[in-house]
Amino acid sequence: MTVVARRARLAALLAGALTVVLGMAPAQAEHGPAQQIVLPGAHSAEGIAAGTGTTFYAGELFTGNIYRGDVRTGTASKFITAPPGRMALGLRVDRAHHLLFVAGGFTG
């Protein structure tokens, strides 16, 4: 196979691959009302941790507020109102000791 033929074949393969990639739609999750749990008043939800049973905890990044909800009922409400200037970056539940750890990022 000549150099020109190899280049033409490579160009055709790349064009075909590019066509497939560009033609693919991005993956998106489709959620219905029963599959979403609204955190009332939250604007920057960040971090979630499973509690005992069907309980979960979620944090709000820029206010530091913590929400507690129930995945079975699909409800949530504010559990902890953080002091001004706090953040909530991630959460972890220690079920054995009944503790909730919240990573505060730059705010501690």
C-alpha atoms as a PDB file:
ATOM      1  CA  MET A   1       0.000   0.000   0.000  1.00  0.00           C
ATOM      2  CA  THR A   2       1.405   3.374  -0.954  1.00  0.00           C
ATOM      3  CA  VAL A   3       1.829   6.283   1.429  1.00  0.00           C
ATOM      4  CA  VAL A   4      -0.966   8.188  -0.327  1.00  0.00           C
ATOM      5  CA  ALA A   5      -3.323   5.206  -0.028  1.00  0.00           C
ATOM      6  CA  ARG A   6      -2.503   4.801   3.693  1.00  0.00           C
ATOM      7  CA  ARG A   7      -3.168   8.478   4.311  1.00  0.00           C
ATOM      8  CA  ALA A   8      -6.448   8.330   2.427  1.00  0.00           C
ATOM      9  CA  ARG A   9      -7.512   5.263   4.412  1.00  0.00           C
ATOM     10  CA  LEU A  10      -6.561   6.939   7.713  1.00  0.00           C
ATOM     11  CA  ALA A  11      -8.458  10.099   6.721  1.00  0.00           C
ATOM     12  CA  ALA A  12     -11.544   8.033   5.885  1.00  0.00           C
ATOM     13  CA  LEU A  13     -11.363   6.218   9.243  1.00  0.00           C
ATOM     14  CA  LEU A  14     -10.979   9.469  11.155  1.00  0.00           C
ATOM     15  CA  ALA A  15     -13.849  11.081   9.244  1.00  0.00           C
ATOM     16  CA  GLY A  16     -16.065   8.083  10.019  1.00  0.00           C
ATOM     17  CA  ALA A  17     -15.153   8.132  13.702  1.00  0.00           C
ATOM     18  CA  LEU A  18     -15.760  11.877  13.892  1.00  0.00           C
ATOM     19  CA  THR A  19     -19.160  11.472  12.263  1.00  0.00           C
ATOM     20  CA  VAL A  20     -20.146   8.853  14.849  1.00  0.00           C
ATOM     21  CA  VAL A  21     -18.915  10.945  17.786  1.00  0.00           C
ATOM     22  CA  LEU A  22     -20.575  14.158  16.609  1.00  0.00           C
ATOM     23  CA  GLY A  23     -23.806  12.351  15.845  1.00  0.00           C
ATOM     24  CA  MET A  24     -24.122  10.997  19.371  1.00  0.00           C
ATOM     25  CA  ALA A  25     -26.325  12.919  21.755  1.00  0.00           C
ATOM     26  CA  PRO A  26     -25.010  13.496  25.277  1.00  0.00           C
ATOM     27  CA  ALA A  27     -26.355  11.156  27.919  1.00  0.00           C
ATOM     28  CA  GLN A  28     -29.037  12.770  30.015  1.00  0.00           C
ATOM     29  CA  ALA A  29     -30.997  11.382  32.878  1.00  0.00           C
ATOM     30  CA  GLU A  30     -34.722  11.734  32.539  1.00  0.00           C
ATOM     31  CA  HIS A  31     -36.404  12.418  35.858  1.00  0.00           C
ATOM     32  CA  GLY A  32     -40.071  12.452  36.552  1.00  0.00           C
ATOM     33  CA  PRO A  33     -41.639  14.136  39.574  1.00  0.00           C
ATOM     34  CA  ALA A  34     -41.476  10.916  41.609  1.00  0.00           C
ATOM     35  CA  GLN A  35     -37.734  10.606  40.974  1.00  0.00           C
ATOM     36  CA  GLN A  36     -36.711  14.041  42.245  1.00  0.00           C
ATOM     37  CA  ILE A  37     -36.542  15.224  45.811  1.00  0.00           C
ATOM     38  CA  VAL A  38     -36.622  18.993  46.187  1.00  0.00           C
ATOM     39  CA  LEU A  39     -34.556  20.629  48.897  1.00  0.00           C
ATOM     40  CA  PRO A  40     -36.770  23.616  49.774  1.00  0.00           C
ATOM     41  CA  GLY A  41     -34.821  26.863  49.579  1.00  0.00           C
ATOM     42  CA  ALA A  42     -31.588  25.266  48.363  1.00  0.00           C
ATOM     43  CA  HIS A  43     -29.840  26.798  45.352  1.00  0.00           C
ATOM     44  CA  SER A  44     -26.462  25.044  45.364  1.00  0.00           C
ATOM     45  CA  ALA A  45     -26.952  21.469  46.567  1.00  0.00           C
ATOM     46  CA  GLU A  46     -23.664  19.631  47.065  1.00  0.00           C
ATOM     47  CA  GLY A  47     -22.977  16.306  48.730  1.00  0.00           C
ATOM     48  CA  ILE A  48     -25.323  13.610  49.887  1.00  0.00           C
ATOM     49  CA  ALA A  49     -25.029  10.853  52.466  1.00  0.00           C
ATOM     50  CA  ALA A  50     -27.266   7.906  53.333  1.00  0.00           C
ATOM     51  CA  GLY A  51     -28.467   7.782  56.912  1.00  0.00           C
ATOM     52  CA  THR A  52     -30.245   4.931  58.655  1.00  0.00           C
ATOM     53  CA  GLY A  53     -33.236   3.346  56.953  1.00  0.00           C
ATOM     54  CA  THR A  54     -34.495   5.548  54.145  1.00  0.00           C
ATOM     55  CA  THR A  55     -33.068   8.796  55.562  1.00  0.00           C
ATOM     56  CA  PHE A  56     -30.583  10.880  53.592  1.00  0.00           C
ATOM     57  CA  TYR A  57     -28.708  14.114  54.258  1.00  0.00           C
ATOM     58  CA  ALA A  58     -27.736  16.746  51.684  1.00  0.00           C
ATOM     59  CA  GLY A  59     -25.705  19.901  52.039  1.00  0.00           C
ATOM     60  CA  GLU A  60     -25.930  23.279  50.364  1.00  0.00           C
ATOM     61  CA  LEU A  61     -22.569  24.438  49.089  1.00  0.00           C
ATOM     62  CA  PHE A  62     -22.726  28.208  49.558  1.00  0.00           C
ATOM     63  CA  THR A  63     -24.837  28.502  52.720  1.00  0.00           C
ATOM     64  CA  GLY A  64     -23.676  25.396  54.571  1.00  0.00           C
ATOM     65  CA  ASN A  65     -27.263  24.434  55.407  1.00  0.00           C
ATOM     66  CA  ILE A  66     -27.987  20.723  55.830  1.00  0.00           C
ATOM     67  CA  TYR A  67     -31.192  19.056  54.680  1.00  0.00           C
ATOM     68  CA  ARG A  68     -32.636  15.768  55.906  1.00  0.00           C
ATOM     69  CA  GLY A  69     -34.986  13.762  53.750  1.00  0.00           C
ATOM     70  CA  ASP A  70     -36.601  10.408  53.192  1.00  0.00           C
ATOM     71  CA  VAL A  71     -36.109   8.608  49.883  1.00  0.00           C
ATOM     72  CA  ARG A  72     -39.232   6.499  50.448  1.00  0.00           C
ATOM     73  CA  THR A  73     -41.585   9.459  50.839  1.00  0.00           C
ATOM     74  CA  GLY A  74     -39.610  11.752  48.534  1.00  0.00           C
ATOM     75  CA  THR A  75     -39.600  14.621  51.024  1.00  0.00           C
ATOM     76  CA  ALA A  76     -36.873  16.796  52.537  1.00  0.00           C
ATOM     77  CA  SER A  77     -36.620  19.776  54.872  1.00  0.00           C
ATOM     78  CA  LYS A  78     -33.916  21.971  56.349  1.00  0.00           C
ATOM     79  CA  PHE A  79     -32.282  20.101  59.229  1.00  0.00           C
ATOM     80  CA  ILE A  80     -29.475  22.497  60.220  1.00  0.00           C
ATOM     81  CA  THR A  81     -29.237  26.204  59.479  1.00  0.00           C
ATOM     82  CA  ALA A  82     -25.545  26.988  59.278  1.00  0.00           C
ATOM     83  CA  PRO A  83     -24.046  30.220  60.610  1.00  0.00           C
ATOM     84  CA  PRO A  84     -23.396  32.901  57.951  1.00  0.00           C
ATOM     85  CA  GLY A  85     -20.291  32.356  55.847  1.00  0.00           C
ATOM     86  CA  ARG A  86     -20.245  28.563  56.101  1.00  0.00           C
ATOM     87  CA  MET A  87     -20.042  26.018  53.276  1.00  0.00           C
ATOM     88  CA  ALA A  88     -21.010  22.364  52.971  1.00  0.00           C
ATOM     89  CA  LEU A  89     -18.882  20.463  50.440  1.00  0.00           C
ATOM     90  CA  GLY A  90     -19.481  16.845  51.342  1.00  0.00           C
ATOM     91  CA  LEU A  91     -21.162  14.690  53.951  1.00  0.00           C
ATOM     92  CA  ARG A  92     -20.582  11.363  55.637  1.00  0.00           C
ATOM     93  CA  VAL A  93     -22.719   9.488  58.152  1.00  0.00           C
ATOM     94  CA  ASP A  94     -21.224   7.397  60.962  1.00  0.00           C
ATOM     95  CA  ARG A  95     -24.229   5.185  61.678  1.00  0.00           C
ATOM     96  CA  ALA A  96     -22.575   3.315  64.542  1.00  0.00           C
ATOM     97  CA  HIS A  97     -22.068   6.534  66.527  1.00  0.00           C
ATOM     98  CA  HIS A  98     -25.029   8.524  65.128  1.00  0.00           C
ATOM     99  CA  LEU A  99     -22.787  11.267  63.759  1.00  0.00           C
ATOM    100  CA  LEU A 100     -22.988  13.385  60.614  1.00  0.00           C
ATOM    101  CA  PHE A 101     -19.722  14.809  59.327  1.00  0.00           C
ATOM    102  CA  VAL A 102     -19.801  17.825  57.020  1.00  0.00           C
ATOM    103  CA  ALA A 103     -16.761  19.048  55.082  1.00  0.00           C
ATOM    104  CA  GLY A 104     -16.740  22.842  55.254  1.00  0.00           C
ATOM    105  CA  GLY A 105     -14.082  23.526  52.634  1.00  0.00           C
ATOM    106  CA  PHE A 106     -12.361  26.837  53.270  1.00  0.00           C
ATOM    107  CA  THR A 107     -14.725  27.651  56.131  1.00  0.00           C
ATOM    108  CA  GLY A 108     -13.816  24.653  58.281  1.00  0.00           C
END
